[in-house]
């Protein structure tokens, strides 16, 4: 079992940056592929980024490629999402999640077993 907790969300102006953190407890996050997802008000939860268990493979949604970077510090048991050049369309609750079954990581929410509580990101215009 693993517990996940996100932090780092907040209010930022358009064009600004934020770094989200996802701290894992219980099992180490190096045991799992990790993903970031987001859910805007009235919309379904959508894939943002993933990191394979080793960290060697990453993947991003087209809408965030070139602006977001996922990374992991296994010594700190933490996964990060660096978000740059934020437009208002990135406003959402951001969640981290662990995929315990597939080490390369997948992009569907249904494939992830453990979720954090989410952190709100609001980008003002």
N, C-alpha and C. Protein backbone atom coordinates (compact mmCIF):
# COMPACT_ATOMS: atom_id res chain seq x y z
N UNK A 1 0.84 -1.19 0.00
CA UNK A 1 0.00 0.00 0.00
C UNK A 1 0.88 1.24 0.00
N UNK A 2 0.42 2.26 -0.66
CA UNK A 2 1.16 3.52 -0.72
C UNK A 2 0.18 4.65 -0.54
N UNK A 3 0.62 5.65 0.19
CA UNK A 3 -0.17 6.86 0.37
C UNK A 3 0.53 7.99 -0.38
N UNK A 4 -0.25 8.80 -1.07
CA UNK A 4 0.29 9.88 -1.88
C UNK A 4 -0.29 11.21 -1.42
N UNK A 5 0.54 12.23 -1.40
CA UNK A 5 0.07 13.55 -1.01
C UNK A 5 0.69 14.63 -1.88
N UNK A 6 -0.15 15.40 -2.56
CA UNK A 6 0.31 16.46 -3.44
C UNK A 6 0.43 17.78 -2.67
N UNK A 7 1.32 18.61 -3.15
CA UNK A 7 1.47 19.97 -2.63
C UNK A 7 2.03 20.84 -3.73
N UNK A 8 1.99 22.14 -3.49
CA UNK A 8 2.60 23.07 -4.44
C UNK A 8 1.61 23.81 -5.32
N UNK A 9 0.34 23.47 -5.23
CA UNK A 9 -0.64 24.19 -6.02
C UNK A 9 -0.86 25.59 -5.49
N UNK A 10 -1.63 26.37 -6.24
CA UNK A 10 -1.92 27.72 -5.81
C UNK A 10 -2.42 28.56 -6.96
N UNK A 11 -2.38 29.87 -6.73
CA UNK A 11 -2.83 30.83 -7.72
C UNK A 11 -1.61 31.45 -8.40
N UNK A 12 -1.62 31.45 -9.71
CA UNK A 12 -0.51 32.02 -10.46
C UNK A 12 -1.07 32.78 -11.66
N UNK A 13 -0.37 33.79 -12.09
CA UNK A 13 -0.80 34.54 -13.27
C UNK A 13 -0.44 33.78 -14.54
N UNK A 14 -1.18 34.05 -15.58
CA UNK A 14 -0.89 33.43 -16.87
C UNK A 14 0.57 33.72 -17.26
N UNK A 15 1.22 32.69 -17.77
CA UNK A 15 2.62 32.79 -18.12
C UNK A 15 3.57 32.41 -17.01
N UNK A 16 3.05 32.22 -15.82
CA UNK A 16 3.87 31.87 -14.68
C UNK A 16 4.17 30.39 -14.58
N UNK A 17 4.81 30.02 -13.48
CA UNK A 17 5.25 28.64 -13.27
C UNK A 17 4.86 28.17 -11.87
N UNK A 18 4.70 26.88 -11.75
CA UNK A 18 4.51 26.23 -10.47
C UNK A 18 5.21 24.88 -10.51
N UNK A 19 5.63 24.41 -9.34
CA UNK A 19 6.14 23.05 -9.25
C UNK A 19 5.31 22.29 -8.24
N UNK A 20 4.68 21.25 -8.69
CA UNK A 20 3.91 20.38 -7.83
C UNK A 20 4.79 19.26 -7.31
N UNK A 21 4.53 18.85 -6.09
CA UNK A 21 5.23 17.72 -5.50
C UNK A 21 4.23 16.66 -5.09
N UNK A 22 4.66 15.42 -5.18
CA UNK A 22 3.85 14.29 -4.75
C UNK A 22 4.73 13.43 -3.86
N UNK A 23 4.45 13.45 -2.58
CA UNK A 23 5.23 12.68 -1.62
C UNK A 23 4.54 11.34 -1.36
N UNK A 24 5.33 10.28 -1.41
CA UNK A 24 4.80 8.95 -1.20
C UNK A 24 5.23 8.42 0.16
N UNK A 25 4.36 7.68 0.79
CA UNK A 25 4.70 6.99 2.04
C UNK A 25 4.15 5.57 1.96
N UNK A 26 4.63 4.72 2.81
CA UNK A 26 4.28 3.31 2.69
C UNK A 26 5.32 2.65 1.82
N UNK A 27 4.95 2.27 0.63
CA UNK A 27 5.93 1.77 -0.32
C UNK A 27 6.63 2.95 -1.00
N UNK A 28 7.83 2.71 -1.47
CA UNK A 28 8.53 3.79 -2.12
C UNK A 28 8.01 4.00 -3.54
N UNK A 29 8.01 5.25 -3.99
CA UNK A 29 7.48 5.52 -5.33
C UNK A 29 8.39 4.94 -6.41
N UNK A 30 9.62 4.58 -6.05
CA UNK A 30 10.50 3.95 -7.04
C UNK A 30 10.01 2.56 -7.42
N UNK A 31 9.04 2.04 -6.67
CA UNK A 31 8.47 0.73 -6.99
C UNK A 31 7.41 0.80 -8.07
N UNK A 32 6.99 2.00 -8.44
CA UNK A 32 5.84 2.15 -9.32
C UNK A 32 6.08 3.16 -10.42
N UNK A 33 5.37 2.98 -11.52
CA UNK A 33 5.20 4.07 -12.46
C UNK A 33 4.30 5.10 -11.80
N UNK A 34 4.59 6.36 -12.06
CA UNK A 34 3.83 7.45 -11.44
C UNK A 34 3.26 8.36 -12.52
N UNK A 35 2.07 8.83 -12.28
CA UNK A 35 1.43 9.72 -13.24
C UNK A 35 0.85 10.95 -12.59
N UNK A 36 0.71 11.97 -13.39
CA UNK A 36 -0.02 13.18 -12.99
C UNK A 36 -1.26 13.30 -13.87
N UNK A 37 -2.36 13.62 -13.25
CA UNK A 37 -3.62 13.84 -13.94
C UNK A 37 -4.22 15.14 -13.45
N UNK A 38 -5.21 15.63 -14.18
CA UNK A 38 -5.89 16.83 -13.73
C UNK A 38 -7.37 16.75 -14.08
N UNK A 39 -8.13 17.49 -13.31
CA UNK A 39 -9.56 17.52 -13.55
C UNK A 39 -10.05 18.95 -13.37
N UNK A 40 -10.50 19.52 -14.47
CA UNK A 40 -11.10 20.86 -14.42
C UNK A 40 -12.57 20.73 -14.06
N UNK A 41 -13.11 21.80 -13.56
CA UNK A 41 -14.52 21.79 -13.13
C UNK A 41 -15.42 21.41 -14.31
N UNK A 42 -16.26 20.42 -14.08
CA UNK A 42 -17.20 20.00 -15.10
C UNK A 42 -16.63 19.11 -16.18
N UNK A 43 -15.36 18.73 -16.03
CA UNK A 43 -14.72 17.90 -17.06
C UNK A 43 -14.23 16.60 -16.44
N UNK A 44 -13.92 15.64 -17.30
CA UNK A 44 -13.39 14.38 -16.83
C UNK A 44 -11.92 14.52 -16.46
N UNK A 45 -11.48 13.61 -15.63
CA UNK A 45 -10.06 13.59 -15.27
C UNK A 45 -9.25 13.20 -16.50
N UNK A 46 -8.16 13.91 -16.72
CA UNK A 46 -7.35 13.66 -17.91
C UNK A 46 -5.88 13.49 -17.57
N UNK A 47 -5.23 12.74 -18.42
CA UNK A 47 -3.80 12.47 -18.28
C UNK A 47 -2.98 13.73 -18.54
N UNK A 48 -1.94 13.90 -17.75
CA UNK A 48 -1.01 15.01 -17.94
C UNK A 48 0.39 14.50 -18.26
N UNK A 49 0.94 13.64 -17.40
CA UNK A 49 2.31 13.17 -17.59
C UNK A 49 2.52 11.89 -16.81
N UNK A 50 3.50 11.10 -17.25
CA UNK A 50 3.86 9.90 -16.51
C UNK A 50 5.36 9.70 -16.51
N UNK A 51 5.80 8.99 -15.52
CA UNK A 51 7.20 8.57 -15.42
C UNK A 51 7.20 7.07 -15.15
N UNK A 52 7.97 6.34 -15.94
CA UNK A 52 8.07 4.90 -15.71
C UNK A 52 8.72 4.63 -14.35
N UNK A 53 8.66 3.40 -13.94
CA UNK A 53 9.20 3.05 -12.63
C UNK A 53 10.67 3.43 -12.51
N UNK A 54 11.43 3.24 -13.56
CA UNK A 54 12.85 3.58 -13.51
C UNK A 54 13.10 5.06 -13.71
N UNK A 55 12.11 5.74 -14.25
CA UNK A 55 12.29 7.14 -14.59
C UNK A 55 12.85 7.35 -15.98
N UNK A 56 13.19 6.27 -16.65
CA UNK A 56 13.82 6.40 -17.97
C UNK A 56 12.82 6.81 -19.04
N UNK A 57 11.57 6.48 -18.84
CA UNK A 57 10.54 6.82 -19.82
C UNK A 57 9.57 7.82 -19.23
N UNK A 58 9.34 8.86 -20.00
CA UNK A 58 8.31 9.82 -19.64
C UNK A 58 7.39 10.03 -20.84
N UNK A 59 6.20 10.47 -20.55
CA UNK A 59 5.24 10.75 -21.61
C UNK A 59 4.35 11.90 -21.15
N UNK A 60 3.88 12.69 -22.11
CA UNK A 60 3.11 13.87 -21.79
C UNK A 60 1.89 13.98 -22.69
N UNK A 61 0.86 14.58 -22.15
CA UNK A 61 -0.27 14.95 -23.00
C UNK A 61 0.19 16.01 -23.99
N UNK A 62 -0.39 15.99 -25.17
CA UNK A 62 0.02 16.97 -26.20
C UNK A 62 -0.15 18.40 -25.71
N UNK A 63 -1.15 18.62 -24.88
CA UNK A 63 -1.45 19.99 -24.44
C UNK A 63 -0.39 20.57 -23.52
N UNK A 64 0.46 19.71 -22.96
CA UNK A 64 1.47 20.21 -22.01
C UNK A 64 2.89 19.96 -22.47
N UNK A 65 3.07 19.28 -23.59
CA UNK A 65 4.42 18.99 -24.07
C UNK A 65 5.20 20.27 -24.29
N UNK A 66 6.43 20.24 -23.84
CA UNK A 66 7.29 21.40 -23.96
C UNK A 66 7.12 22.42 -22.85
N UNK A 67 6.07 22.27 -22.04
CA UNK A 67 5.84 23.20 -20.93
C UNK A 67 5.95 22.52 -19.56
N UNK A 68 5.59 21.26 -19.49
CA UNK A 68 5.61 20.53 -18.22
C UNK A 68 6.73 19.50 -18.24
N UNK A 69 7.29 19.26 -17.07
CA UNK A 69 8.32 18.23 -16.93
C UNK A 69 8.04 17.42 -15.67
N UNK A 70 7.97 16.11 -15.84
CA UNK A 70 7.82 15.22 -14.69
C UNK A 70 9.20 14.69 -14.32
N UNK A 71 9.45 14.62 -13.03
CA UNK A 71 10.72 14.08 -12.56
C UNK A 71 10.47 13.38 -11.22
N UNK A 72 11.46 12.62 -10.82
CA UNK A 72 11.29 11.92 -9.55
C UNK A 72 12.61 11.90 -8.80
N UNK A 73 12.52 12.02 -7.49
CA UNK A 73 13.67 11.91 -6.61
C UNK A 73 13.38 10.73 -5.70
N UNK A 74 13.91 9.59 -6.07
CA UNK A 74 13.59 8.38 -5.31
C UNK A 74 14.16 8.42 -3.90
N UNK A 75 15.25 9.14 -3.70
CA UNK A 75 15.81 9.25 -2.36
C UNK A 75 14.85 9.99 -1.43
N UNK A 76 14.09 10.93 -2.00
CA UNK A 76 13.11 11.67 -1.22
C UNK A 76 11.71 11.09 -1.35
N UNK A 77 11.61 10.04 -2.15
CA UNK A 77 10.31 9.40 -2.34
C UNK A 77 9.27 10.39 -2.86
N UNK A 78 9.69 11.21 -3.80
CA UNK A 78 8.85 12.30 -4.27
C UNK A 78 8.90 12.38 -5.79
N UNK A 79 7.75 12.69 -6.36
CA UNK A 79 7.63 12.93 -7.80
C UNK A 79 7.21 14.39 -7.98
N UNK A 80 7.75 15.02 -8.99
CA UNK A 80 7.50 16.43 -9.23
C UNK A 80 6.84 16.65 -10.59
N UNK A 81 6.14 17.76 -10.69
CA UNK A 81 5.64 18.22 -11.98
C UNK A 81 5.96 19.70 -12.07
N UNK A 82 6.94 20.03 -12.89
CA UNK A 82 7.29 21.42 -13.14
C UNK A 82 6.41 21.92 -14.27
N UNK A 83 5.70 23.01 -14.03
CA UNK A 83 4.76 23.55 -14.99
C UNK A 83 5.16 24.97 -15.33
N UNK A 84 5.42 25.22 -16.59
CA UNK A 84 5.85 26.54 -17.05
C UNK A 84 4.87 27.09 -18.09
N UNK A 85 4.94 28.39 -18.29
CA UNK A 85 4.12 29.06 -19.32
C UNK A 85 2.65 28.68 -19.18
N UNK A 86 2.14 28.85 -18.00
CA UNK A 86 0.78 28.40 -17.70
C UNK A 86 -0.26 29.35 -18.28
N UNK A 87 -1.21 28.84 -19.04
CA UNK A 87 -2.38 29.63 -19.44
C UNK A 87 -3.56 29.31 -18.55
N UNK A 88 -4.61 30.12 -18.57
CA UNK A 88 -5.80 29.82 -17.74
C UNK A 88 -6.39 28.43 -17.99
N UNK A 89 -6.19 27.90 -19.19
CA UNK A 89 -6.75 26.58 -19.51
C UNK A 89 -6.12 25.46 -18.67
N UNK A 90 -5.02 25.73 -18.01
CA UNK A 90 -4.40 24.72 -17.15
C UNK A 90 -5.00 24.69 -15.75
N UNK A 91 -5.96 25.55 -15.49
CA UNK A 91 -6.62 25.56 -14.20
C UNK A 91 -7.36 24.24 -13.97
N UNK A 92 -7.06 23.60 -12.85
CA UNK A 92 -7.66 22.30 -12.54
C UNK A 92 -7.16 21.85 -11.17
N UNK A 93 -7.75 20.78 -10.69
CA UNK A 93 -7.18 20.06 -9.56
C UNK A 93 -6.23 19.02 -10.14
N UNK A 94 -5.02 19.01 -9.64
CA UNK A 94 -3.99 18.11 -10.13
C UNK A 94 -3.79 16.97 -9.14
N UNK A 95 -3.74 15.76 -9.67
CA UNK A 95 -3.60 14.56 -8.85
C UNK A 95 -2.37 13.78 -9.28
N UNK A 96 -1.67 13.21 -8.33
CA UNK A 96 -0.67 12.21 -8.67
C UNK A 96 -1.22 10.83 -8.37
N UNK A 97 -0.69 9.84 -9.06
CA UNK A 97 -1.21 8.50 -8.93
C UNK A 97 -0.10 7.49 -9.18
N UNK A 98 -0.28 6.30 -8.63
CA UNK A 98 0.70 5.22 -8.78
C UNK A 98 0.07 4.06 -9.53
N UNK A 99 0.80 3.55 -10.51
CA UNK A 99 0.40 2.38 -11.28
C UNK A 99 1.23 1.21 -10.78
N UNK A 100 0.61 0.33 -10.04
CA UNK A 100 1.35 -0.76 -9.41
C UNK A 100 1.52 -1.98 -10.29
N UNK A 101 0.92 -1.98 -11.47
CA UNK A 101 0.91 -3.19 -12.29
C UNK A 101 1.80 -3.12 -13.53
N UNK A 102 2.07 -1.93 -13.99
CA UNK A 102 2.78 -1.79 -15.27
C UNK A 102 3.89 -0.78 -15.11
N UNK A 103 5.11 -1.25 -15.12
CA UNK A 103 6.23 -0.40 -14.77
C UNK A 103 6.53 0.70 -15.77
N UNK A 104 6.07 0.55 -17.02
CA UNK A 104 6.35 1.59 -18.00
C UNK A 104 5.39 2.76 -17.89
N UNK A 105 4.28 2.55 -17.19
CA UNK A 105 3.31 3.62 -17.02
C UNK A 105 2.30 3.66 -18.14
N UNK A 106 1.08 4.05 -17.80
CA UNK A 106 -0.02 4.14 -18.76
C UNK A 106 -0.73 5.47 -18.58
N UNK A 107 -1.59 5.80 -19.51
CA UNK A 107 -2.15 7.15 -19.51
C UNK A 107 -3.63 7.20 -19.19
N UNK A 108 -4.22 6.08 -18.81
CA UNK A 108 -5.64 6.08 -18.45
C UNK A 108 -5.81 6.10 -16.94
N UNK A 109 -6.68 6.95 -16.42
CA UNK A 109 -6.88 6.97 -14.96
C UNK A 109 -7.25 5.61 -14.39
N UNK A 110 -7.97 4.80 -15.15
CA UNK A 110 -8.44 3.51 -14.63
C UNK A 110 -7.28 2.55 -14.37
N UNK A 111 -6.11 2.83 -14.93
CA UNK A 111 -4.95 1.94 -14.75
C UNK A 111 -4.17 2.23 -13.48
N UNK A 112 -4.54 3.26 -12.76
CA UNK A 112 -3.79 3.66 -11.57
C UNK A 112 -4.55 3.24 -10.31
N UNK A 113 -3.77 2.73 -9.35
CA UNK A 113 -4.39 2.12 -8.18
C UNK A 113 -4.48 3.05 -6.97
N UNK A 114 -3.52 3.93 -6.85
CA UNK A 114 -3.47 4.81 -5.68
C UNK A 114 -3.43 6.25 -6.15
N UNK A 115 -4.17 7.07 -5.41
CA UNK A 115 -4.30 8.48 -5.77
C UNK A 115 -4.09 9.37 -4.56
N UNK A 116 -3.55 10.55 -4.84
CA UNK A 116 -3.50 11.56 -3.81
C UNK A 116 -4.82 12.31 -3.73
N UNK A 117 -4.88 13.28 -2.83
CA UNK A 117 -6.12 14.01 -2.61
C UNK A 117 -6.29 15.16 -3.59
N UNK A 118 -5.23 15.50 -4.30
CA UNK A 118 -5.29 16.57 -5.29
C UNK A 118 -4.86 17.91 -4.73
N UNK A 119 -4.37 18.75 -5.62
CA UNK A 119 -3.99 20.12 -5.25
C UNK A 119 -4.52 21.05 -6.33
N UNK A 120 -5.10 22.15 -5.91
CA UNK A 120 -5.73 23.08 -6.84
C UNK A 120 -4.68 23.99 -7.47
N UNK A 121 -4.74 24.09 -8.79
CA UNK A 121 -3.94 25.04 -9.55
C UNK A 121 -4.90 25.99 -10.26
N UNK A 122 -4.74 27.27 -10.00
CA UNK A 122 -5.58 28.27 -10.64
C UNK A 122 -4.69 29.27 -11.35
N UNK A 123 -4.92 29.42 -12.65
CA UNK A 123 -4.14 30.34 -13.46
C UNK A 123 -5.05 31.50 -13.85
N UNK A 124 -4.70 32.68 -13.43
CA UNK A 124 -5.51 33.85 -13.71
C UNK A 124 -5.03 34.54 -14.98
N UNK A 125 -5.98 35.13 -15.69
CA UNK A 125 -5.63 35.81 -16.95
C UNK A 125 -5.26 37.26 -16.71
